[in-house]
Amino acid sequence: MGTTLAALQRLQAVETQLAEIRNRITALGRRVELQETKLRQIDDALANEQRELQSRQMEADRLELDVKSYESEISKLRTALNSAKTNKEYAAILTQLNTVKVDSSKVEERALEMIARVDELKQKMAAARIAREAEEERRDELKAEAGRYEAECKDRLESLIRRRDETAAHVPAPALKLFDRVASKNDGKALAMVVRTNPRREEFACECCNMSITLQQVNALLSRDEPVLCHTCGHILYLETQSTPV
């Protein structure tokens, strides 16, 4: 194996450790973000329910006023009924009284339904607030966990970054640029080993995608000290041990 590919393998060893830490930090951060999103969704739902509660409460109050207005009118009609001087006047007032009673009953029924809806919303919001407190505690726990991990890995991360810079200094610029590009697309994994799939035949595959590697590519790895890419997944290929060219 040439010096370039050997240097790339050393760089990959450091990059793998860096990627592990960075991916873990990113994953922990995403968990916090997801929890924050959940809290925002709960807050949005609570805000919508609060607006509905206010609207329903106003409607319930209005209906209660209407019920009281009907009760006052019914009381007046009963007084007028008792004061009626003729059968015709009595019948007219009685008809009006019965009509008002029916209308009052309908409004009172709607008022009771609205009050029940208000109570239901209040209970739902109380339960949602309790659930929100639990989700907020979970968010705080996740943030603390992410903070602890970053603090624990700070020195190691800085050390690995220094090692990476030192190792990268021994990689030719074009190969390093290619390595960085491939690694950025594959969570830090830029290299893929060539695996011989059949001990009796010269058949090879990429360890990352399991797709075939041509003899031409294998020969290039054995004869030239430059990166060779897998045609399928784009990883930089390398041989585990150098052997006689095929």
C-alpha atoms as a PDB file:
ATOM      1  CA  MET A   1       0.000   0.000   0.000  1.00  0.00           C
ATOM      2  CA  GLY A   2       1.338   3.429  -0.969  1.00  0.00           C
ATOM      3  CA  THR A   3       1.976   6.322   1.372  1.00  0.00           C
ATOM      4  CA  THR A   4      -1.144   8.219   0.306  1.00  0.00           C
ATOM      5  CA  LEU A   5      -3.560   5.373   1.009  1.00  0.00           C
ATOM      6  CA  ALA A   6      -1.723   4.541   4.235  1.00  0.00           C
ATOM      7  CA  ALA A   7      -2.072   8.162   5.333  1.00  0.00           C
ATOM      8  CA  LEU A   8      -5.754   8.121   4.409  1.00  0.00           C
ATOM      9  CA  GLN A   9      -6.277   5.023   6.552  1.00  0.00           C
ATOM     10  CA  ARG A  10      -4.611   6.715   9.506  1.00  0.00           C
ATOM     11  CA  LEU A  11      -6.776   9.762   8.885  1.00  0.00           C
ATOM     12  CA  GLN A  12      -9.872   7.563   8.718  1.00  0.00           C
ATOM     13  CA  ALA A  13      -9.037   6.049  12.113  1.00  0.00           C
ATOM     14  CA  VAL A  14      -9.058   9.518  13.683  1.00  0.00           C
ATOM     15  CA  GLU A  15     -12.049  10.674  11.639  1.00  0.00           C
ATOM     16  CA  THR A  16     -14.073   7.671  12.823  1.00  0.00           C
ATOM     17  CA  GLN A  17     -13.503   8.613  16.460  1.00  0.00           C
ATOM     18  CA  LEU A  18     -14.339  12.249  15.756  1.00  0.00           C
ATOM     19  CA  ALA A  19     -17.482  11.282  13.882  1.00  0.00           C
ATOM     20  CA  GLU A  20     -18.615   9.067  16.741  1.00  0.00           C
ATOM     21  CA  ILE A  21     -18.394  11.943  19.212  1.00  0.00           C
ATOM     22  CA  ARG A  22     -19.870  14.533  16.861  1.00  0.00           C
ATOM     23  CA  ASN A  23     -22.703  12.257  15.800  1.00  0.00           C
ATOM     24  CA  ARG A  24     -23.519  11.567  19.443  1.00  0.00           C
ATOM     25  CA  ILE A  25     -23.530  15.292  20.216  1.00  0.00           C
ATOM     26  CA  THR A  26     -25.759  15.894  17.186  1.00  0.00           C
ATOM     27  CA  ALA A  27     -28.106  13.072  18.173  1.00  0.00           C
ATOM     28  CA  LEU A  28     -28.448  14.406  21.702  1.00  0.00           C
ATOM     29  CA  GLY A  29     -29.074  17.877  20.324  1.00  0.00           C
ATOM     30  CA  ARG A  30     -31.779  16.549  18.020  1.00  0.00           C
ATOM     31  CA  ARG A  31     -33.483  14.845  20.937  1.00  0.00           C
ATOM     32  CA  VAL A  32     -33.606  18.201  22.708  1.00  0.00           C
ATOM     33  CA  GLU A  33     -34.936  19.876  19.541  1.00  0.00           C
ATOM     34  CA  LEU A  34     -37.646  17.223  19.164  1.00  0.00           C
ATOM     35  CA  GLN A  35     -38.650  17.752  22.774  1.00  0.00           C
ATOM     36  CA  GLU A  36     -38.746  21.508  22.214  1.00  0.00           C
ATOM     37  CA  THR A  37     -40.967  20.902  19.192  1.00  0.00           C
ATOM     38  CA  LYS A  38     -43.278  18.752  21.288  1.00  0.00           C
ATOM     39  CA  LEU A  39     -43.515  21.528  23.881  1.00  0.00           C
ATOM     40  CA  ARG A  40     -44.316  24.091  21.187  1.00  0.00           C
ATOM     41  CA  GLN A  41     -47.054  21.825  19.847  1.00  0.00           C
ATOM     42  CA  ILE A  42     -48.523  21.505  23.341  1.00  0.00           C
ATOM     43  CA  ASP A  43     -48.343  25.288  23.785  1.00  0.00           C
ATOM     44  CA  ASP A  44     -50.042  25.847  20.423  1.00  0.00           C
ATOM     45  CA  ALA A  45     -52.791  23.387  21.369  1.00  0.00           C
ATOM     46  CA  LEU A  46     -53.225  25.086  24.749  1.00  0.00           C
ATOM     47  CA  ALA A  47     -53.415  28.497  23.081  1.00  0.00           C
ATOM     48  CA  ASN A  48     -56.102  27.248  20.691  1.00  0.00           C
ATOM     49  CA  GLU A  49     -58.032  25.680  23.549  1.00  0.00           C
ATOM     50  CA  GLN A  50     -57.708  28.892  25.568  1.00  0.00           C
ATOM     51  CA  ARG A  51     -59.207  30.873  22.700  1.00  0.00           C
ATOM     52  CA  GLU A  52     -62.008  28.349  22.355  1.00  0.00           C
ATOM     53  CA  LEU A  53     -62.582  28.434  26.112  1.00  0.00           C
ATOM     54  CA  GLN A  54     -62.892  32.220  26.088  1.00  0.00           C
ATOM     55  CA  SER A  55     -65.300  32.063  23.164  1.00  0.00           C
ATOM     56  CA  ARG A  56     -67.406  29.331  24.780  1.00  0.00           C
ATOM     57  CA  GLN A  57     -67.384  31.136  28.120  1.00  0.00           C
ATOM     58  CA  MET A  58     -68.610  34.349  26.482  1.00  0.00           C
ATOM     59  CA  GLU A  59     -71.343  32.385  24.711  1.00  0.00           C
ATOM     60  CA  ALA A  60     -72.318  30.659  27.975  1.00  0.00           C
ATOM     61  CA  ASP A  61     -72.479  34.023  29.774  1.00  0.00           C
ATOM     62  CA  ARG A  62     -74.614  35.478  26.999  1.00  0.00           C
ATOM     63  CA  LEU A  63     -76.994  32.513  27.114  1.00  0.00           C
ATOM     64  CA  GLU A  64     -77.283  32.790  30.903  1.00  0.00           C
ATOM     65  CA  LEU A  65     -78.257  36.449  30.494  1.00  0.00           C
ATOM     66  CA  ASP A  66     -80.829  35.408  27.896  1.00  0.00           C
ATOM     67  CA  VAL A  67     -82.230  32.819  30.329  1.00  0.00           C
ATOM     68  CA  LYS A  68     -82.554  35.471  33.035  1.00  0.00           C
ATOM     69  CA  SER A  69     -84.236  37.791  30.548  1.00  0.00           C
ATOM     70  CA  TYR A  70     -86.742  35.064  29.664  1.00  0.00           C
ATOM     71  CA  GLU A  71     -87.354  34.362  33.352  1.00  0.00           C
ATOM     72  CA  SER A  72     -88.118  38.036  33.914  1.00  0.00           C
ATOM     73  CA  GLU A  73     -90.477  38.094  30.922  1.00  0.00           C
ATOM     74  CA  ILE A  74     -92.203  34.901  32.101  1.00  0.00           C
ATOM     75  CA  SER A  75     -92.687  36.449  35.543  1.00  0.00           C
ATOM     76  CA  LYS A  76     -94.278  39.550  33.992  1.00  0.00           C
ATOM     77  CA  LEU A  77     -96.561  37.468  31.782  1.00  0.00           C
ATOM     78  CA  ARG A  78     -97.704  35.423  34.762  1.00  0.00           C
ATOM     79  CA  THR A  79     -98.558  38.610  36.593  1.00  0.00           C
ATOM     80  CA  ALA A  80    -100.415  39.861  33.520  1.00  0.00           C
ATOM     81  CA  LEU A  81    -102.192  36.514  33.233  1.00  0.00           C
ATOM     82  CA  ASN A  82    -103.501  36.816  36.763  1.00  0.00           C
ATOM     83  CA  SER A  83    -104.702  40.327  36.004  1.00  0.00           C
ATOM     84  CA  ALA A  84    -106.494  39.455  32.766  1.00  0.00           C
ATOM     85  CA  LYS A  85    -110.075  40.774  32.717  1.00  0.00           C
ATOM     86  CA  THR A  86    -111.471  38.824  29.782  1.00  0.00           C
ATOM     87  CA  ASN A  87    -111.177  35.321  28.455  1.00  0.00           C
ATOM     88  CA  LYS A  88    -109.774  36.658  25.178  1.00  0.00           C
ATOM     89  CA  GLU A  89    -107.088  38.660  26.978  1.00  0.00           C
ATOM     90  CA  TYR A  90    -106.288  35.648  29.176  1.00  0.00           C
ATOM     91  CA  ALA A  91    -105.956  33.319  26.162  1.00  0.00           C
ATOM     92  CA  ALA A  92    -103.673  35.765  24.334  1.00  0.00           C
ATOM     93  CA  ILE A  93    -101.385  36.180  27.329  1.00  0.00           C
ATOM     94  CA  LEU A  94    -101.356  32.423  27.945  1.00  0.00           C
ATOM     95  CA  THR A  95    -100.341  31.750  24.347  1.00  0.00           C
ATOM     96  CA  GLN A  96     -97.531  34.301  24.613  1.00  0.00           C
ATOM     97  CA  LEU A  97     -96.448  32.811  27.954  1.00  0.00           C
ATOM     98  CA  ASN A  98     -96.238  29.303  26.534  1.00  0.00           C
ATOM     99  CA  THR A  99     -94.264  30.543  23.534  1.00  0.00           C
ATOM    100  CA  VAL A 100     -91.789  32.350  25.786  1.00  0.00           C
ATOM    101  CA  LYS A 101     -91.473  29.227  27.979  1.00  0.00           C
ATOM    102  CA  VAL A 102     -90.582  27.108  24.922  1.00  0.00           C
ATOM    103  CA  ASP A 103     -88.025  29.652  23.745  1.00  0.00           C
ATOM    104  CA  SER A 104     -86.620  29.912  27.270  1.00  0.00           C
ATOM    105  CA  SER A 105     -86.314  26.137  27.534  1.00  0.00           C
ATOM    106  CA  LYS A 106     -84.353  25.983  24.273  1.00  0.00           C
ATOM    107  CA  VAL A 107     -81.980  28.739  25.363  1.00  0.00           C
ATOM    108  CA  GLU A 108     -81.534  27.139  28.797  1.00  0.00           C
ATOM    109  CA  GLU A 109     -80.679  23.817  27.129  1.00  0.00           C
ATOM    110  CA  ARG A 110     -78.059  25.497  24.924  1.00  0.00           C
ATOM    111  CA  ALA A 111     -76.683  27.290  27.974  1.00  0.00           C
ATOM    112  CA  LEU A 112     -76.279  24.008  29.862  1.00  0.00           C
ATOM    113  CA  GLU A 113     -74.547  22.439  26.851  1.00  0.00           C
ATOM    114  CA  MET A 114     -72.203  25.408  26.613  1.00  0.00           C
ATOM    115  CA  ILE A 115     -71.413  25.291  30.335  1.00  0.00           C
ATOM    116  CA  ALA A 116     -70.663  21.569  30.018  1.00  0.00           C
ATOM    117  CA  ARG A 117     -68.348  22.305  27.082  1.00  0.00           C
ATOM    118  CA  VAL A 118     -66.589  24.993  29.134  1.00  0.00           C
ATOM    119  CA  ASP A 119     -66.065  22.556  31.997  1.00  0.00           C
ATOM    120  CA  GLU A 120     -64.787  19.926  29.565  1.00  0.00           C
ATOM    121  CA  LEU A 121     -62.292  22.366  28.075  1.00  0.00           C
ATOM    122  CA  LYS A 122     -61.089  23.421  31.532  1.00  0.00           C
ATOM    123  CA  GLN A 123     -60.468  19.790  32.495  1.00  0.00           C
ATOM    124  CA  LYS A 124     -58.711  19.094  29.189  1.00  0.00           C
ATOM    125  CA  MET A 125     -56.464  22.136  29.601  1.00  0.00           C
ATOM    126  CA  ALA A 126     -55.641  21.210  33.200  1.00  0.00           C
ATOM    127  CA  ALA A 127     -54.571  17.731  32.058  1.00  0.00           C
ATOM    128  CA  ALA A 128     -52.564  19.246  29.184  1.00  0.00           C
ATOM    129  CA  ARG A 129     -50.728  21.573  31.566  1.00  0.00           C
ATOM    130  CA  ILE A 130     -49.801  18.630  33.789  1.00  0.00           C
ATOM    131  CA  ALA A 131     -48.575  16.727  30.720  1.00  0.00           C
ATOM    132  CA  ARG A 132     -46.617  19.794  29.638  1.00  0.00           C
ATOM    133  CA  GLU A 133     -44.833  19.938  32.972  1.00  0.00           C
ATOM    134  CA  ALA A 134     -43.734  16.330  32.492  1.00  0.00           C
ATOM    135  CA  GLU A 135     -42.535  17.050  28.940  1.00  0.00           C
ATOM    136  CA  GLU A 136     -40.700  20.149  30.166  1.00  0.00           C
ATOM    137  CA  GLU A 137     -38.936  18.083  32.809  1.00  0.00           C
ATOM    138  CA  ARG A 138     -37.995  15.589  30.096  1.00  0.00           C
ATOM    139  CA  ARG A 139     -36.620  18.438  27.959  1.00  0.00           C
ATOM    140  CA  ASP A 140     -34.510  19.664  30.863  1.00  0.00           C
ATOM    141  CA  GLU A 141     -33.199  16.135  31.459  1.00  0.00           C
ATOM    142  CA  LEU A 142     -32.216  15.785  27.800  1.00  0.00           C
ATOM    143  CA  LYS A 143     -30.494  19.167  27.804  1.00  0.00           C
ATOM    144  CA  ALA A 144     -28.587  18.197  30.937  1.00  0.00           C
ATOM    145  CA  GLU A 145     -27.568  14.884  29.371  1.00  0.00           C
ATOM    146  CA  ALA A 146     -26.356  16.642  26.213  1.00  0.00           C
ATOM    147  CA  GLY A 147     -24.440  19.177  28.284  1.00  0.00           C
ATOM    148  CA  ARG A 148     -22.794  16.494  30.399  1.00  0.00           C
ATOM    149  CA  TYR A 149     -21.704  14.522  27.336  1.00  0.00           C
ATOM    150  CA  GLU A 150     -20.207  17.578  25.653  1.00  0.00           C
ATOM    151  CA  ALA A 151     -18.351  18.478  28.852  1.00  0.00           C
ATOM    152  CA  GLU A 152     -17.060  14.914  29.250  1.00  0.00           C
ATOM    153  CA  CYS A 153     -15.869  14.744  25.636  1.00  0.00           C
ATOM    154  CA  LYS A 154     -14.453  18.276  25.401  1.00  0.00           C
ATOM    155  CA  ASP A 155     -10.808  17.356  26.069  1.00  0.00           C
ATOM    156  CA  ARG A 156     -10.939  14.200  23.946  1.00  0.00           C
ATOM    157  CA  LEU A 157     -12.594  16.078  21.090  1.00  0.00           C
ATOM    158  CA  GLU A 158      -9.962  18.795  21.139  1.00  0.00           C
ATOM    159  CA  SER A 159      -7.214  16.158  21.237  1.00  0.00           C
ATOM    160  CA  LEU A 160      -8.719  14.291  18.284  1.00  0.00           C
ATOM    161  CA  ILE A 161      -9.032  17.498  16.290  1.00  0.00           C
ATOM    162  CA  ARG A 162      -5.331  18.192  16.845  1.00  0.00           C
ATOM    163  CA  ARG A 163      -4.487  14.609  15.839  1.00  0.00           C
ATOM    164  CA  ARG A 164      -6.615  14.917  12.727  1.00  0.00           C
ATOM    165  CA  ASP A 165      -4.867  18.121  11.699  1.00  0.00           C
ATOM    166  CA  GLU A 166      -1.490  16.481  12.248  1.00  0.00           C
ATOM    167  CA  THR A 167      -2.495  13.370  10.298  1.00  0.00           C
ATOM    168  CA  ALA A 168      -4.109  15.365   7.476  1.00  0.00           C
ATOM    169  CA  ALA A 169      -0.855  17.263   7.014  1.00  0.00           C
ATOM    170  CA  HIS A 170       0.660  14.073   5.597  1.00  0.00           C
ATOM    171  CA  VAL A 171      -2.099  13.593   2.995  1.00  0.00           C
ATOM    172  CA  PRO A 172      -1.685  15.237  -0.436  1.00  0.00           C
ATOM    173  CA  ALA A 173      -4.095  18.123  -0.926  1.00  0.00           C
ATOM    174  CA  PRO A 174      -6.209  16.523  -3.715  1.00  0.00           C
ATOM    175  CA  ALA A 175      -6.602  13.284  -1.765  1.00  0.00           C
ATOM    176  CA  LEU A 176      -7.466  15.200   1.403  1.00  0.00           C
ATOM    177  CA  LYS A 177     -10.094  17.243  -0.413  1.00  0.00           C
ATOM    178  CA  LEU A 178     -11.631  14.049  -1.786  1.00  0.00           C
ATOM    179  CA  PHE A 179     -11.520  12.398   1.653  1.00  0.00           C
ATOM    180  CA  ASP A 180     -13.285  15.355   3.292  1.00  0.00           C
ATOM    181  CA  ARG A 181     -15.972  15.398   0.606  1.00  0.00           C
ATOM    182  CA  VAL A 182     -16.728  11.672   0.893  1.00  0.00           C
ATOM    183  CA  ALA A 183     -16.579  11.717   4.697  1.00  0.00           C
ATOM    184  CA  SER A 184     -19.003  14.651   4.915  1.00  0.00           C
ATOM    185  CA  LYS A 185     -21.581  12.645   2.946  1.00  0.00           C
ATOM    186  CA  ASN A 186     -21.190   9.449   4.957  1.00  0.00           C
ATOM    187  CA  ASP A 187     -21.064  10.425   8.644  1.00  0.00           C
ATOM    188  CA  GLY A 188     -17.285  10.501   8.690  1.00  0.00           C
ATOM    189  CA  LYS A 189     -16.709   7.241   6.811  1.00  0.00           C
ATOM    190  CA  ALA A 190     -14.700   7.938   3.678  1.00  0.00           C
ATOM    191  CA  LEU A 191     -12.900   4.610   3.177  1.00  0.00           C
ATOM    192  CA  ALA A 192     -14.277   1.199   2.310  1.00  0.00           C
ATOM    193  CA  MET A 193     -12.308  -2.017   2.262  1.00  0.00           C
ATOM    194  CA  VAL A 194     -12.295  -4.235  -0.813  1.00  0.00           C
ATOM    195  CA  VAL A 195     -13.508  -7.713   0.130  1.00  0.00           C
ATOM    196  CA  ARG A 196     -12.749 -10.840  -1.867  1.00  0.00           C
ATOM    197  CA  THR A 197     -16.106 -12.573  -2.195  1.00  0.00           C
ATOM    198  CA  ASN A 198     -14.891 -15.870  -3.620  1.00  0.00           C
ATOM    199  CA  PRO A 199     -11.572 -17.432  -2.512  1.00  0.00           C
ATOM    200  CA  ARG A 200     -11.329 -19.436  -5.752  1.00  0.00           C
ATOM    201  CA  ARG A 201     -12.135 -16.650  -8.168  1.00  0.00           C
ATOM    202  CA  GLU A 202     -10.961 -13.106  -8.518  1.00  0.00           C
ATOM    203  CA  GLU A 203     -14.241 -11.549  -7.460  1.00  0.00           C
ATOM    204  CA  PHE A 204     -14.345  -8.523  -5.202  1.00  0.00           C
ATOM    205  CA  ALA A 205     -16.926  -6.263  -3.559  1.00  0.00           C
ATOM    206  CA  CYS A 206     -17.085  -3.001  -1.633  1.00  0.00           C
ATOM    207  CA  GLU A 207     -17.655  -3.578   2.085  1.00  0.00           C
ATOM    208  CA  CYS A 208     -19.988  -0.569   2.311  1.00  0.00           C
ATOM    209  CA  CYS A 209     -22.439  -1.278  -0.508  1.00  0.00           C
ATOM    210  CA  ASN A 210     -21.618  -4.942  -1.286  1.00  0.00           C
ATOM    211  CA  MET A 211     -21.471  -4.133  -4.979  1.00  0.00           C
ATOM    212  CA  SER A 212     -18.846  -5.611  -7.281  1.00  0.00           C
ATOM    213  CA  ILE A 213     -15.395  -4.083  -7.638  1.00  0.00           C
ATOM    214  CA  THR A 214     -13.686  -4.623 -10.986  1.00  0.00           C
ATOM    215  CA  LEU A 215     -10.265  -6.200 -11.432  1.00  0.00           C
ATOM    216  CA  GLN A 216      -9.182  -2.938 -13.025  1.00  0.00           C
ATOM    217  CA  GLN A 217      -9.977  -1.095  -9.785  1.00  0.00           C
ATOM    218  CA  VAL A 218      -8.160  -3.706  -7.692  1.00  0.00           C
ATOM    219  CA  ASN A 219      -5.106  -3.498  -9.969  1.00  0.00           C
ATOM    220  CA  ALA A 220      -5.173   0.296  -9.677  1.00  0.00           C
ATOM    221  CA  LEU A 221      -5.087  -0.011  -5.902  1.00  0.00           C
ATOM    222  CA  LEU A 222      -2.144  -2.400  -6.110  1.00  0.00           C
ATOM    223  CA  SER A 223      -0.142  -0.458  -8.695  1.00  0.00           C
ATOM    224  CA  ARG A 224      -0.886   3.207  -8.028  1.00  0.00           C
ATOM    225  CA  ASP A 225      -0.767   5.265  -4.857  1.00  0.00           C
ATOM    226  CA  GLU A 226      -3.915   7.307  -5.439  1.00  0.00           C
ATOM    227  CA  PRO A 227      -7.552   7.129  -4.330  1.00  0.00           C
ATOM    228  CA  VAL A 228      -9.873   4.820  -6.248  1.00  0.00           C
ATOM    229  CA  LEU A 229     -13.604   5.266  -5.737  1.00  0.00           C
ATOM    230  CA  CYS A 230     -16.339   2.658  -5.598  1.00  0.00           C
ATOM    231  CA  HIS A 231     -18.502   3.235  -8.673  1.00  0.00           C
ATOM    232  CA  THR A 232     -21.664   2.568  -6.670  1.00  0.00           C
ATOM    233  CA  CYS A 233     -21.373   4.259  -3.259  1.00  0.00           C
ATOM    234  CA  GLY A 234     -18.457   6.594  -3.924  1.00  0.00           C
ATOM    235  CA  HIS A 235     -16.290   5.525  -0.975  1.00  0.00           C
ATOM    236  CA  ILE A 236     -12.507   5.526  -1.312  1.00  0.00           C
ATOM    237  CA  LEU A 237     -11.408   1.929  -1.697  1.00  0.00           C
ATOM    238  CA  TYR A 238      -8.469   0.240  -0.014  1.00  0.00           C
ATOM    239  CA  LEU A 239      -7.091  -3.275   0.302  1.00  0.00           C
ATOM    240  CA  GLU A 240      -6.663  -4.783   3.735  1.00  0.00           C
ATOM    241  CA  THR A 241      -3.261  -6.196   2.777  1.00  0.00           C
ATOM    242  CA  GLN A 242      -1.178  -5.690  -0.321  1.00  0.00           C
ATOM    243  CA  SER A 243      -0.938  -8.719  -2.612  1.00  0.00           C
ATOM    244  CA  THR A 244       0.457  -9.668  -6.005  1.00  0.00           C
ATOM    245  CA  PRO A 245      -1.280  -7.770  -8.827  1.00  0.00           C
ATOM    246  CA  VAL A 246      -3.874  -9.826 -10.618  1.00  0.00           C
END
